[in-house]
């Protein structure tokens, strides 16, 4: 279940990044790093 929520959040982040690739890059990078650490 946790994976589903994480995947959904990642999808949402990717979509947001696609809409604003000049402000969500940092957040997306941070999220990716956190995901990799987990």
PDB file of N, CA and C in Angstrom:
ATOM      1  N   UNK A   1       0.839  -1.204   0.000  1.00  0.00           N
ATOM      2  CA  UNK A   1       0.000   0.000   0.000  1.00  0.00           C
ATOM      3  C   UNK A   1       0.873   1.252   0.000  1.00  0.00           C
ATOM      4  N   UNK A   2       1.958   1.185   0.767  1.00  0.00           N
ATOM      5  CA  UNK A   2       2.848   2.352   0.840  1.00  0.00           C
ATOM      6  C   UNK A   2       3.429   2.652  -0.545  1.00  0.00           C
ATOM      7  N   UNK A   3       3.753   1.593  -1.263  1.00  0.00           N
ATOM      8  CA  UNK A   3       4.347   1.799  -2.585  1.00  0.00           C
ATOM      9  C   UNK A   3       3.346   2.515  -3.496  1.00  0.00           C
ATOM     10  N   UNK A   4       2.090   2.113  -3.410  1.00  0.00           N
ATOM     11  CA  UNK A   4       1.076   2.738  -4.259  1.00  0.00           C
ATOM     12  C   UNK A   4       1.017   4.242  -3.986  1.00  0.00           C
ATOM     13  N   UNK A   5       1.008   4.585  -2.713  1.00  0.00           N
ATOM     14  CA  UNK A   5       0.946   6.012  -2.354  1.00  0.00           C
ATOM     15  C   UNK A   5       2.192   6.732  -2.872  1.00  0.00           C
ATOM     16  N   UNK A   6       3.346   6.092  -2.712  1.00  0.00           N
ATOM     17  CA  UNK A   6       4.588   6.737  -3.167  1.00  0.00           C
ATOM     18  C   UNK A   6       4.554   6.878  -4.690  1.00  0.00           C
ATOM     19  N   UNK A   7       4.097   5.853  -5.370  1.00  0.00           N
ATOM     20  CA  UNK A   7       4.049   5.942  -6.832  1.00  0.00           C
ATOM     21  C   UNK A   7       3.095   7.059  -7.260  1.00  0.00           C
ATOM     22  N   UNK A   8       1.976   7.154  -6.567  1.00  0.00           N
ATOM     23  CA  UNK A   8       1.008   8.198  -6.916  1.00  0.00           C
ATOM     24  C   UNK A   8       1.629   9.577  -6.688  1.00  0.00           C
ATOM     25  N   UNK A   9       2.317   9.722  -5.575  1.00  0.00           N
ATOM     26  CA  UNK A   9       2.950  11.013  -5.283  1.00  0.00           C
ATOM     27  C   UNK A   9       4.014  11.322  -6.325  1.00  0.00           C
ATOM     28  N   UNK A  10       4.774  10.310  -6.715  1.00  0.00           N
ATOM     29  CA  UNK A  10       5.827  10.539  -7.717  1.00  0.00           C
ATOM     30  C   UNK A  10       5.180  10.958  -9.040  1.00  0.00           C
ATOM     31  N   UNK A  11       4.101  10.292  -9.394  1.00  0.00           N
ATOM     32  CA  UNK A  11       3.413  10.658 -10.634  1.00  0.00           C
ATOM     33  C   UNK A  11       2.951  12.107 -10.567  1.00  0.00           C
ATOM     34  N   UNK A  12       2.398  12.500  -9.429  1.00  0.00           N
ATOM     35  CA  UNK A  12       1.912  13.865  -9.263  1.00  0.00           C
ATOM     36  C   UNK A  12       3.076  14.851  -9.368  1.00  0.00           C
ATOM     37  N   UNK A  13       4.188  14.489  -8.762  1.00  0.00           N
ATOM     38  CA  UNK A  13       5.354  15.375  -8.816  1.00  0.00           C
ATOM     39  C   UNK A  13       5.852  15.505 -10.252  1.00  0.00           C
ATOM     40  N   UNK A  14       5.904  14.398 -10.946  1.00  0.00           N
ATOM     41  CA  UNK A  14       6.379  14.438 -12.334  1.00  0.00           C
ATOM     42  C   UNK A  14       5.463  15.321 -13.166  1.00  0.00           C
ATOM     43  N   UNK A  15       4.169  15.186 -12.955  1.00  0.00           N
ATOM     44  CA  UNK A  15       3.218  16.004 -13.712  1.00  0.00           C
ATOM     45  C   UNK A  15       3.421  17.485 -13.386  1.00  0.00           C
ATOM     46  N   UNK A  16       3.610  17.772 -12.109  1.00  0.00           N
ATOM     47  CA  UNK A  16       3.825  19.169 -11.704  1.00  0.00           C
ATOM     48  C   UNK A  16       5.120  19.683 -12.322  1.00  0.00           C
ATOM     49  N   UNK A  17       6.129  18.831 -12.341  1.00  0.00           N
ATOM     50  CA  UNK A  17       7.411  19.260 -12.898  1.00  0.00           C
ATOM     51  C   UNK A  17       7.247  19.554 -14.385  1.00  0.00           C
ATOM     52  N   UNK A  18       6.447  18.745 -15.064  1.00  0.00           N
ATOM     53  CA  UNK A  18       6.236  18.947 -16.490  1.00  0.00           C
ATOM     54  C   UNK A  18       5.550  20.294 -16.735  1.00  0.00           C
ATOM     55  N   UNK A  19       4.667  20.662 -15.813  1.00  0.00           N
ATOM     56  CA  UNK A  19       3.959  21.930 -15.964  1.00  0.00           C
ATOM     57  C   UNK A  19       4.852  23.105 -15.583  1.00  0.00           C
ATOM     58  N   UNK A  20       5.685  22.897 -14.567  1.00  0.00           N
ATOM     59  CA  UNK A  20       6.577  23.972 -14.108  1.00  0.00           C
ATOM     60  C   UNK A  20       8.003  23.436 -13.956  1.00  0.00           C
ATOM     61  N   UNK A  21       8.672  23.192 -15.074  1.00  0.00           N
ATOM     62  CA  UNK A  21      10.044  22.653 -15.032  1.00  0.00           C
ATOM     63  C   UNK A  21      11.071  23.710 -14.648  1.00  0.00           C
ATOM     64  N   UNK A  22      10.620  24.799 -14.065  1.00  0.00           N
ATOM     65  CA  UNK A  22      11.565  25.845 -13.669  1.00  0.00           C
ATOM     66  C   UNK A  22      11.367  26.206 -12.199  1.00  0.00           C
ATOM     67  N   UNK A  23      10.728  25.313 -11.469  1.00  0.00           N
ATOM     68  CA  UNK A  23      10.526  25.609 -10.045  1.00  0.00           C
ATOM     69  C   UNK A  23      10.359  24.311  -9.252  1.00  0.00           C
ATOM     70  N   UNK A  24       9.978  23.244  -9.964  1.00  0.00           N
ATOM     71  CA  UNK A  24       9.780  21.965  -9.281  1.00  0.00           C
ATOM     72  C   UNK A  24      11.001  21.067  -9.443  1.00  0.00           C
ATOM     73  N   UNK A  25      11.978  21.548 -10.192  1.00  0.00           N
ATOM     74  CA  UNK A  25      13.164  20.718 -10.424  1.00  0.00           C
ATOM     75  C   UNK A  25      13.837  20.383  -9.100  1.00  0.00           C
ATOM     76  N   UNK A  26      14.014  21.405  -8.273  1.00  0.00           N
ATOM     77  CA  UNK A  26      14.678  21.196  -6.987  1.00  0.00           C
ATOM     78  C   UNK A  26      13.862  20.205  -6.142  1.00  0.00           C
ATOM     79  N   UNK A  27      12.566  20.445  -6.074  1.00  0.00           N
ATOM     80  CA  UNK A  27      11.710  19.573  -5.258  1.00  0.00           C
ATOM     81  C   UNK A  27      11.758  18.150  -5.809  1.00  0.00           C
ATOM     82  N   UNK A  28      11.661  18.026  -7.121  1.00  0.00           N
ATOM     83  CA  UNK A  28      11.681  16.693  -7.729  1.00  0.00           C
ATOM     84  C   UNK A  28      13.007  15.996  -7.429  1.00  0.00           C
ATOM     85  N   UNK A  29      14.081  16.734  -7.526  1.00  0.00           N
ATOM     86  CA  UNK A  29      15.408  16.142  -7.253  1.00  0.00           C
ATOM     87  C   UNK A  29      15.467  15.675  -5.803  1.00  0.00           C
ATOM     88  N   UNK A  30      14.946  16.492  -4.912  1.00  0.00           N
ATOM     89  CA  UNK A  30      14.963  16.124  -3.495  1.00  0.00           C
ATOM     90  C   UNK A  30      14.113  14.876  -3.283  1.00  0.00           C
ATOM     91  N   UNK A  31      12.959  14.840  -3.919  1.00  0.00           N
ATOM     92  CA  UNK A  31      12.063  13.687  -3.770  1.00  0.00           C
ATOM     93  C   UNK A  31      12.750  12.432  -4.308  1.00  0.00           C
ATOM     94  N   UNK A  32      13.384  12.569  -5.467  1.00  0.00           N
ATOM     95  CA  UNK A  32      14.057  11.409  -6.066  1.00  0.00           C
ATOM     96  C   UNK A  32      15.141  10.906  -5.119  1.00  0.00           C
ATOM     97  N   UNK A  33      15.892  11.821  -4.555  1.00  0.00           N
ATOM     98  CA  UNK A  33      16.954  11.420  -3.629  1.00  0.00           C
ATOM     99  C   UNK A  33      16.368  10.694  -2.430  1.00  0.00           C
ATOM    100  N   UNK A  34      15.265  11.197  -1.921  1.00  0.00           N
ATOM    101  CA  UNK A  34      14.635  10.554  -0.763  1.00  0.00           C
ATOM    102  C   UNK A  34      14.158   9.159  -1.149  1.00  0.00           C
ATOM    103  N   UNK A  35      13.570   9.048  -2.315  1.00  0.00           N
ATOM    104  CA  UNK A  35      13.063   7.744  -2.763  1.00  0.00           C
ATOM    105  C   UNK A  35      14.216   6.758  -2.907  1.00  0.00           C
ATOM    106  N   UNK A  36      15.325   7.232  -3.442  1.00  0.00           N
ATOM    107  CA  UNK A  36      16.467   6.338  -3.639  1.00  0.00           C
ATOM    108  C   UNK A  36      17.017   5.883  -2.293  1.00  0.00           C
ATOM    109  N   UNK A  37      16.997   6.787  -1.338  1.00  0.00           N
ATOM    110  CA  UNK A  37      17.533   6.440  -0.018  1.00  0.00           C
ATOM    111  C   UNK A  37      16.662   5.355   0.626  1.00  0.00           C
ATOM    112  N   UNK A  38      15.349   5.487   0.454  1.00  0.00           N
ATOM    113  CA  UNK A  38      14.447   4.498   1.064  1.00  0.00           C
ATOM    114  C   UNK A  38      14.648   3.212   0.323  1.00  0.00           C
TER     115      UNK A  38
END
